[in-house]
C-alpha atoms as a PDB file:
ATOM      1  CA  MET A   1    -170.924 -73.544  88.324  1.00  0.00           C
ATOM      2  CA  ASN A   2    -168.205 -71.579  86.579  1.00  0.00           C
ATOM      3  CA  ALA A   3    -168.257 -70.879  82.863  1.00  0.00           C
ATOM      4  CA  ALA A   4    -164.829 -69.274  82.848  1.00  0.00           C
ATOM      5  CA  CYS A   5    -161.848 -71.107  81.419  1.00  0.00           C
ATOM      6  CA  GLY A   6    -158.965 -69.102  82.851  1.00  0.00           C
ATOM      7  CA  ALA A   7    -157.968 -65.618  81.639  1.00  0.00           C
ATOM      8  CA  LYS A   8    -159.924 -63.189  83.798  1.00  0.00           C
ATOM      9  CA  THR A   9    -161.390 -63.534  87.283  1.00  0.00           C
ATOM     10  CA  SER A  10    -164.396 -61.921  88.940  1.00  0.00           C
ATOM     11  CA  ASN A  11    -163.879 -59.024  91.316  1.00  0.00           C
ATOM     12  CA  GLY A  12    -167.136 -59.833  93.104  1.00  0.00           C
ATOM     13  CA  LYS A  13    -170.635 -58.444  93.114  1.00  0.00           C
ATOM     14  CA  GLU A  14    -169.644 -54.943  94.212  1.00  0.00           C
ATOM     15  CA  ALA A  15    -167.145 -54.575  91.366  1.00  0.00           C
ATOM     16  CA  MET A  16    -169.657 -55.972  88.891  1.00  0.00           C
ATOM     17  CA  PHE A  17    -172.283 -53.544  90.178  1.00  0.00           C
ATOM     18  CA  GLU A  18    -169.943 -50.594  89.646  1.00  0.00           C
ATOM     19  CA  GLU A  19    -168.877 -51.799  86.188  1.00  0.00           C
ATOM     20  CA  LEU A  20    -172.477 -52.251  85.097  1.00  0.00           C
ATOM     21  CA  HIS A  21    -173.298 -48.739  86.232  1.00  0.00           C
ATOM     22  CA  ARG A  22    -170.354 -47.408  84.261  1.00  0.00           C
ATOM     23  CA  LYS A  23    -171.284 -49.312  81.099  1.00  0.00           C
ATOM     24  CA  MET A  24    -174.900 -48.207  81.348  1.00  0.00           C
ATOM     25  CA  ASN A  25    -173.839 -44.582  81.637  1.00  0.00           C
ATOM     26  CA  ALA A  26    -171.514 -44.955  78.647  1.00  0.00           C
ATOM     27  CA  PHE A  27    -174.013 -46.669  76.384  1.00  0.00           C
ATOM     28  CA  TRP A  28    -174.669 -44.432  73.384  1.00  0.00           C
ATOM     29  CA  ASN A  29    -178.060 -43.737  71.918  1.00  0.00           C
ATOM     30  CA  ASN A  30    -178.246 -41.317  68.978  1.00  0.00           C
ATOM     31  CA  ASP A  31    -174.812 -39.897  69.870  1.00  0.00           C
ATOM     32  CA  ARG A  32    -175.866 -39.076  73.438  1.00  0.00           C
ATOM     33  CA  THR A  33    -175.469 -41.285  76.477  1.00  0.00           C
ATOM     34  CA  LEU A  34    -178.530 -42.582  78.232  1.00  0.00           C
ATOM     35  CA  SER A  35    -177.260 -40.881  81.348  1.00  0.00           C
ATOM     36  CA  GLN A  36    -177.695 -37.565  79.495  1.00  0.00           C
ATOM     37  CA  THR A  37    -181.002 -38.253  77.786  1.00  0.00           C
ATOM     38  CA  ASP A  38    -182.715 -40.385  80.466  1.00  0.00           C
ATOM     39  CA  PRO A  39    -180.885 -39.972  83.784  1.00  0.00           C
ATOM     40  CA  GLU A  40    -183.919 -40.937  85.879  1.00  0.00           C
ATOM     41  CA  TYR A  41    -184.444 -44.128  83.892  1.00  0.00           C
ATOM     42  CA  VAL A  42    -180.774 -45.070  84.171  1.00  0.00           C
ATOM     43  CA  LYS A  43    -180.880 -44.651  87.936  1.00  0.00           C
ATOM     44  CA  LEU A  44    -184.150 -46.531  88.338  1.00  0.00           C
ATOM     45  CA  PHE A  45    -183.022 -49.510  86.276  1.00  0.00           C
ATOM     46  CA  SER A  46    -179.402 -49.567  87.443  1.00  0.00           C
ATOM     47  CA  ASP A  47    -180.202 -49.326  91.151  1.00  0.00           C
ATOM     48  CA  PHE A  48    -182.700 -52.153  90.838  1.00  0.00           C
ATOM     49  CA  ALA A  49    -181.031 -54.532  88.372  1.00  0.00           C
ATOM     50  CA  TYR A  50    -177.432 -54.054  89.493  1.00  0.00           C
ATOM     51  CA  GLY A  51    -178.029 -53.280  93.139  1.00  0.00           C
ATOM     52  CA  GLU A  52    -181.138 -54.823  94.632  1.00  0.00           C
ATOM     53  CA  VAL A  53    -181.421 -57.854  92.312  1.00  0.00           C
ATOM     54  CA  VAL A  54    -177.727 -58.754  92.405  1.00  0.00           C
ATOM     55  CA  ASN A  55    -177.626 -58.539  96.202  1.00  0.00           C
ATOM     56  CA  GLU A  56    -181.048 -60.012  97.060  1.00  0.00           C
ATOM     57  CA  PRO A  57    -180.490 -63.153  99.220  1.00  0.00           C
ATOM     58  CA  GLY A  58    -183.527 -64.927  97.758  1.00  0.00           C
ATOM     59  CA  ALA A  59    -182.267 -64.293  94.235  1.00  0.00           C
ATOM     60  CA  ASN A  60    -178.860 -65.836  94.827  1.00  0.00           C
ATOM     61  CA  HIS A  61    -177.368 -69.305  95.157  1.00  0.00           C
ATOM     62  CA  PRO A  62    -173.892 -70.706  95.936  1.00  0.00           C
ATOM     63  CA  ASP A  63    -173.546 -71.886  92.320  1.00  0.00           C
ATOM     64  CA  LEU A  64    -174.531 -68.495  90.910  1.00  0.00           C
ATOM     65  CA  ASP A  65    -171.175 -66.758  90.580  1.00  0.00           C
ATOM     66  CA  ASP A  66    -170.690 -63.671  88.438  1.00  0.00           C
ATOM     67  CA  GLN A  67    -169.729 -65.665  85.332  1.00  0.00           C
ATOM     68  CA  THR A  68    -172.807 -67.870  85.588  1.00  0.00           C
ATOM     69  CA  ARG A  69    -175.023 -64.863  86.243  1.00  0.00           C
ATOM     70  CA  SER A  70    -173.592 -63.127  83.167  1.00  0.00           C
ATOM     71  CA  LEU A  71    -174.054 -66.222  80.997  1.00  0.00           C
ATOM     72  CA  ALA A  72    -177.685 -66.520  82.088  1.00  0.00           C
ATOM     73  CA  ILE A  73    -178.398 -62.843  81.407  1.00  0.00           C
ATOM     74  CA  LEU A  74    -176.789 -62.970  77.966  1.00  0.00           C
ATOM     75  CA  ALA A  75    -178.844 -66.063  77.123  1.00  0.00           C
ATOM     76  CA  ALA A  76    -182.022 -64.349  78.301  1.00  0.00           C
ATOM     77  CA  LEU A  77    -181.214 -61.327  76.142  1.00  0.00           C
ATOM     78  CA  VAL A  78    -180.849 -63.580  73.106  1.00  0.00           C
ATOM     79  CA  GLY A  79    -184.176 -65.189  73.994  1.00  0.00           C
ATOM     80  CA  CYS A  80    -186.027 -61.866  74.296  1.00  0.00           C
ATOM     81  CA  GLN A  81    -184.151 -60.306  71.345  1.00  0.00           C
ATOM     82  CA  GLY A  82    -182.510 -57.602  73.465  1.00  0.00           C
ATOM     83  CA  LEU A  83    -179.683 -56.853  71.041  1.00  0.00           C
ATOM     84  CA  ASP A  84    -178.833 -53.376  72.395  1.00  0.00           C
ATOM     85  CA  ALA A  85    -178.763 -54.634  75.968  1.00  0.00           C
ATOM     86  CA  PHE A  86    -176.693 -57.633  74.842  1.00  0.00           C
ATOM     87  CA  GLU A  87    -174.133 -55.256  73.344  1.00  0.00           C
ATOM     88  CA  MET A  88    -174.049 -53.305  76.592  1.00  0.00           C
ATOM     89  CA  MET A  89    -173.621 -56.464  78.710  1.00  0.00           C
ATOM     90  CA  LEU A  90    -170.844 -58.085  76.647  1.00  0.00           C
ATOM     91  CA  PRO A  91    -167.917 -56.101  78.113  1.00  0.00           C
ATOM     92  CA  VAL A  92    -169.262 -56.631  81.613  1.00  0.00           C
ATOM     93  CA  ALA A  93    -169.615 -60.390  81.090  1.00  0.00           C
ATOM     94  CA  TYR A  94    -166.090 -60.539  79.714  1.00  0.00           C
ATOM     95  CA  GLU A  95    -164.788 -58.692  82.759  1.00  0.00           C
ATOM     96  CA  THR A  96    -166.312 -61.287  85.090  1.00  0.00           C
ATOM     97  CA  GLY A  97    -164.194 -63.963  83.425  1.00  0.00           C
ATOM     98  CA  LEU A  98    -166.776 -65.419  81.055  1.00  0.00           C
ATOM     99  CA  THR A  99    -164.783 -66.644  78.076  1.00  0.00           C
ATOM    100  CA  SER A 100    -165.155 -65.991  74.369  1.00  0.00           C
ATOM    101  CA  VAL A 101    -165.794 -69.703  73.819  1.00  0.00           C
ATOM    102  CA  ALA A 102    -168.542 -69.859  76.464  1.00  0.00           C
ATOM    103  CA  ILE A 103    -170.386 -66.851  75.048  1.00  0.00           C
ATOM    104  CA  LYS A 104    -170.092 -68.088  71.476  1.00  0.00           C
ATOM    105  CA  GLU A 105    -171.257 -71.592  72.411  1.00  0.00           C
ATOM    106  CA  MET A 106    -174.307 -70.089  74.108  1.00  0.00           C
ATOM    107  CA  ILE A 107    -175.193 -68.256  70.894  1.00  0.00           C
ATOM    108  CA  TYR A 108    -174.580 -71.334  68.738  1.00  0.00           C
ATOM    109  CA  GLN A 109    -176.954 -73.349  70.925  1.00  0.00           C
ATOM    110  CA  ALA A 110    -179.566 -70.594  70.777  1.00  0.00           C
ATOM    111  CA  THR A 111    -179.992 -71.435  67.091  1.00  0.00           C
ATOM    112  CA  ALA A 112    -181.827 -74.626  68.070  1.00  0.00           C
ATOM    113  CA  TYR A 113    -184.210 -72.800  70.410  1.00  0.00           C
ATOM    114  CA  CYS A 114    -184.583 -69.306  68.930  1.00  0.00           C
ATOM    115  CA  GLY A 115    -183.882 -70.002  65.258  1.00  0.00           C
ATOM    116  CA  PHE A 116    -181.218 -68.715  62.893  1.00  0.00           C
ATOM    117  CA  GLY A 117    -183.149 -65.545  62.055  1.00  0.00           C
ATOM    118  CA  ARG A 118    -183.162 -64.384  65.661  1.00  0.00           C
ATOM    119  CA  THR A 119    -179.693 -65.673  66.545  1.00  0.00           C
ATOM    120  CA  LEU A 120    -177.575 -64.322  63.681  1.00  0.00           C
ATOM    121  CA  PRO A 121    -177.588 -60.653  64.824  1.00  0.00           C
ATOM    122  CA  PHE A 122    -176.196 -61.693  68.209  1.00  0.00           C
ATOM    123  CA  LEU A 123    -173.433 -63.785  66.639  1.00  0.00           C
ATOM    124  CA  LYS A 124    -172.434 -60.867  64.433  1.00  0.00           C
ATOM    125  CA  LYS A 125    -172.510 -58.462  67.397  1.00  0.00           C
ATOM    126  CA  LEU A 126    -170.297 -60.824  69.408  1.00  0.00           C
ATOM    127  CA  ASN A 127    -167.807 -61.133  66.543  1.00  0.00           C
ATOM    128  CA  VAL A 128    -167.503 -57.343  66.318  1.00  0.00           C
ATOM    129  CA  PHE A 129    -166.879 -57.197  70.066  1.00  0.00           C
ATOM    130  CA  LEU A 130    -164.267 -59.976  69.944  1.00  0.00           C
ATOM    131  CA  GLY A 131    -162.527 -58.356  66.993  1.00  0.00           C
ATOM    132  CA  ALA A 132    -162.271 -55.091  68.921  1.00  0.00           C
ATOM    133  CA  ALA A 133    -160.841 -57.058  71.857  1.00  0.00           C
ATOM    134  CA  ASN A 134    -158.162 -58.533  69.541  1.00  0.00           C
ATOM    135  CA  VAL A 135    -159.506 -62.067  69.938  1.00  0.00           C
ATOM    136  CA  HIS A 136    -158.444 -64.205  66.988  1.00  0.00           C
ATOM    137  CA  LEU A 137    -161.340 -65.623  64.993  1.00  0.00           C
ATOM    138  CA  PRO A 138    -162.381 -68.283  64.354  1.00  0.00           C
ATOM    139  CA  LEU A 139    -162.056 -69.669  67.866  1.00  0.00           C
ATOM    140  CA  GLU A 140    -160.782 -73.157  68.513  1.00  0.00           C
ATOM    141  CA  PRO A 141    -163.251 -75.778  67.161  1.00  0.00           C
ATOM    142  CA  GLN A 142    -165.534 -77.263  69.812  1.00  0.00           C
ATOM    143  CA  GLY A 143    -167.313 -79.954  67.804  1.00  0.00           C
ATOM    144  CA  THR A 144    -166.976 -83.558  68.997  1.00  0.00           C
ATOM    145  CA  THR A 145    -169.140 -85.455  66.490  1.00  0.00           C
ATOM    146  CA  THR A 146    -169.090 -86.349  62.806  1.00  0.00           C
ATOM    147  CA  SER A 147    -171.887 -86.842  60.293  1.00  0.00           C
ATOM    148  CA  GLU A 148    -171.705 -90.549  61.133  1.00  0.00           C
ATOM    149  CA  THR A 149    -171.786 -90.171  64.940  1.00  0.00           C
ATOM    150  CA  ARG A 150    -174.047 -87.172  65.574  1.00  0.00           C
ATOM    151  CA  ALA A 151    -177.341 -89.079  65.625  1.00  0.00           C
ATOM    152  CA  GLN A 152    -176.199 -91.635  68.194  1.00  0.00           C
ATOM    153  CA  ALA A 153    -174.385 -88.993  70.237  1.00  0.00           C
ATOM    154  CA  GLY A 154    -177.517 -86.877  70.241  1.00  0.00           C
ATOM    155  CA  GLU A 155    -179.686 -89.742  71.412  1.00  0.00           C
ATOM    156  CA  ASP A 156    -177.183 -90.555  74.146  1.00  0.00           C
ATOM    157  CA  LYS A 157    -177.320 -86.928  75.303  1.00  0.00           C
ATOM    158  CA  GLN A 158    -181.133 -86.976  75.280  1.00  0.00           C
ATOM    159  CA  VAL A 159    -181.094 -90.117  77.427  1.00  0.00           C
ATOM    160  CA  GLU A 160    -178.583 -88.527  79.816  1.00  0.00           C
ATOM    161  CA  ILE A 161    -180.772 -85.461  80.256  1.00  0.00           C
ATOM    162  CA  PHE A 162    -184.329 -86.774  79.960  1.00  0.00           C
ATOM    163  CA  GLY A 163    -184.033 -90.463  80.799  1.00  0.00           C
ATOM    164  CA  GLU A 164    -184.219 -93.858  79.093  1.00  0.00           C
ATOM    165  CA  ASN A 165    -187.640 -93.081  77.657  1.00  0.00           C
ATOM    166  CA  MET A 166    -185.787 -91.035  75.024  1.00  0.00           C
ATOM    167  CA  ARG A 167    -184.140 -94.158  73.620  1.00  0.00           C
ATOM    168  CA  GLY A 168    -185.548 -94.560  70.117  1.00  0.00           C
ATOM    169  CA  PHE A 169    -187.361 -91.204  70.238  1.00  0.00           C
ATOM    170  CA  ALA A 170    -185.916 -90.206  66.860  1.00  0.00           C
ATOM    171  CA  GLN A 171    -187.840 -93.031  65.198  1.00  0.00           C
ATOM    172  CA  SER A 172    -191.084 -92.475  67.107  1.00  0.00           C
ATOM    173  CA  GLY A 173    -194.263 -90.478  66.584  1.00  0.00           C
ATOM    174  CA  PRO A 174    -196.577 -89.943  63.599  1.00  0.00           C
ATOM    175  CA  GLU A 175    -194.889 -90.566  60.279  1.00  0.00           C
ATOM    176  CA  GLU A 176    -195.627 -87.087  58.930  1.00  0.00           C
ATOM    177  CA  THR A 177    -193.742 -85.396  61.796  1.00  0.00           C
ATOM    178  CA  ARG A 178    -191.188 -88.076  62.640  1.00  0.00           C
ATOM    179  CA  HIS A 179    -188.464 -86.084  60.905  1.00  0.00           C
ATOM    180  CA  ILE A 180    -188.741 -83.421  63.643  1.00  0.00           C
ATOM    181  CA  ASN A 181    -187.941 -86.033  66.296  1.00  0.00           C
ATOM    182  CA  LYS A 182    -184.969 -87.134  64.193  1.00  0.00           C
ATOM    183  CA  TRP A 183    -183.751 -83.543  63.904  1.00  0.00           C
ATOM    184  CA  LEU A 184    -184.102 -83.018  67.650  1.00  0.00           C
ATOM    185  CA  ALA A 185    -181.797 -85.968  68.234  1.00  0.00           C
ATOM    186  CA  ASP A 186    -179.130 -85.402  65.586  1.00  0.00           C
ATOM    187  CA  ASN A 187    -179.227 -81.603  65.304  1.00  0.00           C
ATOM    188  CA  CYS A 188    -180.382 -80.051  68.577  1.00  0.00           C
ATOM    189  CA  PHE A 189    -178.643 -82.555  70.835  1.00  0.00           C
ATOM    190  CA  GLY A 190    -176.136 -84.221  68.500  1.00  0.00           C
ATOM    191  CA  ASP A 191    -174.772 -81.051  66.906  1.00  0.00           C
ATOM    192  CA  TYR A 192    -174.999 -78.612  69.830  1.00  0.00           C
ATOM    193  CA  TYR A 193    -175.183 -80.340  73.222  1.00  0.00           C
ATOM    194  CA  THR A 194    -172.137 -82.488  72.430  1.00  0.00           C
ATOM    195  CA  ARG A 195    -169.871 -79.489  71.776  1.00  0.00           C
ATOM    196  CA  GLY A 196    -167.167 -78.269  74.151  1.00  0.00           C
ATOM    197  CA  GLY A 197    -167.028 -74.860  75.793  1.00  0.00           C
ATOM    198  CA  LEU A 198    -170.038 -75.410  78.057  1.00  0.00           C
ATOM    199  CA  ASP A 199    -170.871 -78.477  80.105  1.00  0.00           C
ATOM    200  CA  THR A 200    -174.293 -80.117  80.212  1.00  0.00           C
ATOM    201  CA  ARG A 201    -175.416 -78.208  83.311  1.00  0.00           C
ATOM    202  CA  GLU A 202    -174.535 -74.904  81.667  1.00  0.00           C
ATOM    203  CA  ARG A 203    -176.229 -75.870  78.413  1.00  0.00           C
ATOM    204  CA  GLU A 204    -179.441 -76.797  80.199  1.00  0.00           C
ATOM    205  CA  MET A 205    -179.312 -73.529  82.173  1.00  0.00           C
ATOM    206  CA  VAL A 206    -178.997 -71.377  79.060  1.00  0.00           C
ATOM    207  CA  THR A 207    -181.776 -73.375  77.393  1.00  0.00           C
ATOM    208  CA  LEU A 208    -184.019 -72.557  80.343  1.00  0.00           C
ATOM    209  CA  CYS A 209    -183.116 -68.884  79.862  1.00  0.00           C
ATOM    210  CA  PHE A 210    -183.857 -68.984  76.113  1.00  0.00           C
ATOM    211  CA  LEU A 211    -187.277 -70.525  76.707  1.00  0.00           C
ATOM    212  CA  ALA A 212    -188.219 -68.309  79.655  1.00  0.00           C
ATOM    213  CA  ALA A 213    -187.246 -65.147  77.792  1.00  0.00           C
ATOM    214  CA  GLN A 214    -189.097 -66.065  74.586  1.00  0.00           C
ATOM    215  CA  GLY A 215    -192.418 -66.718  76.244  1.00  0.00           C
ATOM    216  CA  GLY A 216    -195.012 -69.039  74.753  1.00  0.00           C
ATOM    217  CA  CYS A 217    -192.766 -72.065  75.285  1.00  0.00           C
ATOM    218  CA  GLU A 218    -194.177 -73.221  78.615  1.00  0.00           C
ATOM    219  CA  PRO A 219    -194.432 -76.967  77.783  1.00  0.00           C
ATOM    220  CA  GLN A 220    -190.782 -77.006  76.663  1.00  0.00           C
ATOM    221  CA  LEU A 221    -189.803 -74.781  79.592  1.00  0.00           C
ATOM    222  CA  THR A 222    -191.351 -77.214  82.067  1.00  0.00           C
ATOM    223  CA  ALA A 223    -189.579 -80.148  80.404  1.00  0.00           C
ATOM    224  CA  HIS A 224    -186.232 -78.379  80.495  1.00  0.00           C
ATOM    225  CA  ALA A 225    -186.740 -77.241  84.080  1.00  0.00           C
ATOM    226  CA  LYS A 226    -187.060 -80.918  84.971  1.00  0.00           C
ATOM    227  CA  ALA A 227    -184.034 -81.742  82.801  1.00  0.00           C
ATOM    228  CA  ASN A 228    -182.036 -79.067  84.607  1.00  0.00           C
ATOM    229  CA  MET A 229    -182.751 -80.782  87.904  1.00  0.00           C
ATOM    230  CA  VAL A 230    -181.726 -84.155  86.470  1.00  0.00           C
ATOM    231  CA  VAL A 231    -178.304 -82.814  85.486  1.00  0.00           C
ATOM    232  CA  GLY A 232    -177.727 -81.080  88.835  1.00  0.00           C
ATOM    233  CA  ASN A 233    -179.317 -77.631  88.666  1.00  0.00           C
ATOM    234  CA  GLU A 234    -181.593 -77.700  91.686  1.00  0.00           C
ATOM    235  CA  LYS A 235    -184.834 -75.762  92.061  1.00  0.00           C
ATOM    236  CA  ALA A 236    -183.330 -73.020  94.233  1.00  0.00           C
ATOM    237  CA  PHE A 237    -180.594 -72.439  91.648  1.00  0.00           C
ATOM    238  CA  LEU A 238    -183.106 -72.220  88.801  1.00  0.00           C
ATOM    239  CA  ILE A 239    -185.244 -69.715  90.699  1.00  0.00           C
ATOM    240  CA  ALA A 240    -182.115 -67.642  91.368  1.00  0.00           C
ATOM    241  CA  VAL A 241    -181.202 -67.736  87.669  1.00  0.00           C
ATOM    242  CA  VAL A 242    -184.670 -66.656  86.576  1.00  0.00           C
ATOM    243  CA  SER A 243    -184.691 -63.955  89.249  1.00  0.00           C
ATOM    244  CA  GLN A 244    -181.424 -62.503  87.960  1.00  0.00           C
ATOM    245  CA  CYS A 245    -182.883 -62.442  84.437  1.00  0.00           C
ATOM    246  CA  MET A 246    -186.113 -60.751  85.545  1.00  0.00           C
ATOM    247  CA  PRO A 247    -185.022 -57.132  84.885  1.00  0.00           C
ATOM    248  CA  TYR A 248    -184.340 -58.098  81.253  1.00  0.00           C
ATOM    249  CA  ILE A 249    -187.419 -60.229  80.501  1.00  0.00           C
ATOM    250  CA  GLY A 250    -190.070 -58.653  82.764  1.00  0.00           C
ATOM    251  CA  TYR A 251    -192.342 -59.957  85.487  1.00  0.00           C
ATOM    252  CA  PRO A 252    -194.891 -61.941  83.405  1.00  0.00           C
ATOM    253  CA  ARG A 253    -192.315 -64.214  81.770  1.00  0.00           C
ATOM    254  CA  THR A 254    -190.432 -64.521  85.055  1.00  0.00           C
ATOM    255  CA  LEU A 255    -193.550 -65.625  86.920  1.00  0.00           C
ATOM    256  CA  ASN A 256    -194.433 -68.041  84.116  1.00  0.00           C
ATOM    257  CA  ALA A 257    -190.940 -69.538  84.350  1.00  0.00           C
ATOM    258  CA  ILE A 258    -191.207 -69.988  88.110  1.00  0.00           C
ATOM    259  CA  ARG A 259    -194.590 -71.686  87.638  1.00  0.00           C
ATOM    260  CA  CYS A 260    -192.992 -74.064  85.134  1.00  0.00           C
ATOM    261  CA  ILE A 261    -190.179 -74.824  87.586  1.00  0.00           C
ATOM    262  CA  ASP A 262    -192.763 -75.610  90.259  1.00  0.00           C
ATOM    263  CA  GLU A 263    -194.644 -77.882  87.850  1.00  0.00           C
ATOM    264  CA  ALA A 264    -191.393 -79.671  86.980  1.00  0.00           C
ATOM    265  CA  VAL A 265    -190.816 -80.403  90.658  1.00  0.00           C
ATOM    266  CA  LYS A 266    -194.332 -81.812  91.062  1.00  0.00           C
ATOM    267  CA  GLY A 267    -193.998 -83.875  87.872  1.00  0.00           C
END
């Protein structure tokens, strides 16, 4: 899996490790770098997250290149509301070759899973970063549907990801909550999953990261773990993704996510 669309290329794990160390040391907090105020903490976290985790065989997968790893981490940071860490990771992700479009599409999609209130600060932070990088905004439009086609396109995407049992889902369920099912089809899947910039495998991966990082979404996390496998993200890849996100979301949510992946396999 490769979320890059040209421009820059990855220099490999060693280069990423060094760049992450450099960015961590340069990250300002109250006009002093963390390396000055908390040198022991910087070393502890950096050596683990950007050394041991990145290079751990059990936490890697052939499809987990540096761009995909960066996309997953950024999505997890949106999910756990790690805005400062997101700001720190943006230049590193960009250096791996992850494109402006891919990062922005991840944030757009987060609106459906994290809500506008928790997503807006990340969109604004990204726009500041892109402006400083002389990236022209707005980016090229990625929408593929219209007000007339979004509902059907959304249902088609639900069927592709979850199976034929989703056919007619928008009109199902108790009358008082049926509008939520309709919104899931036309908004969550019709408005977001049909956009360009990320393919279906990438969109399901970042959704898994949003849900794992938020916590408290285990039923949805299990469903999307299964959906990930349907679209080609195998169990070993998902465990590698969650493992790479662990330093940012902590052990409890990581272990919960792995349990959900296991349940998806059994189901």
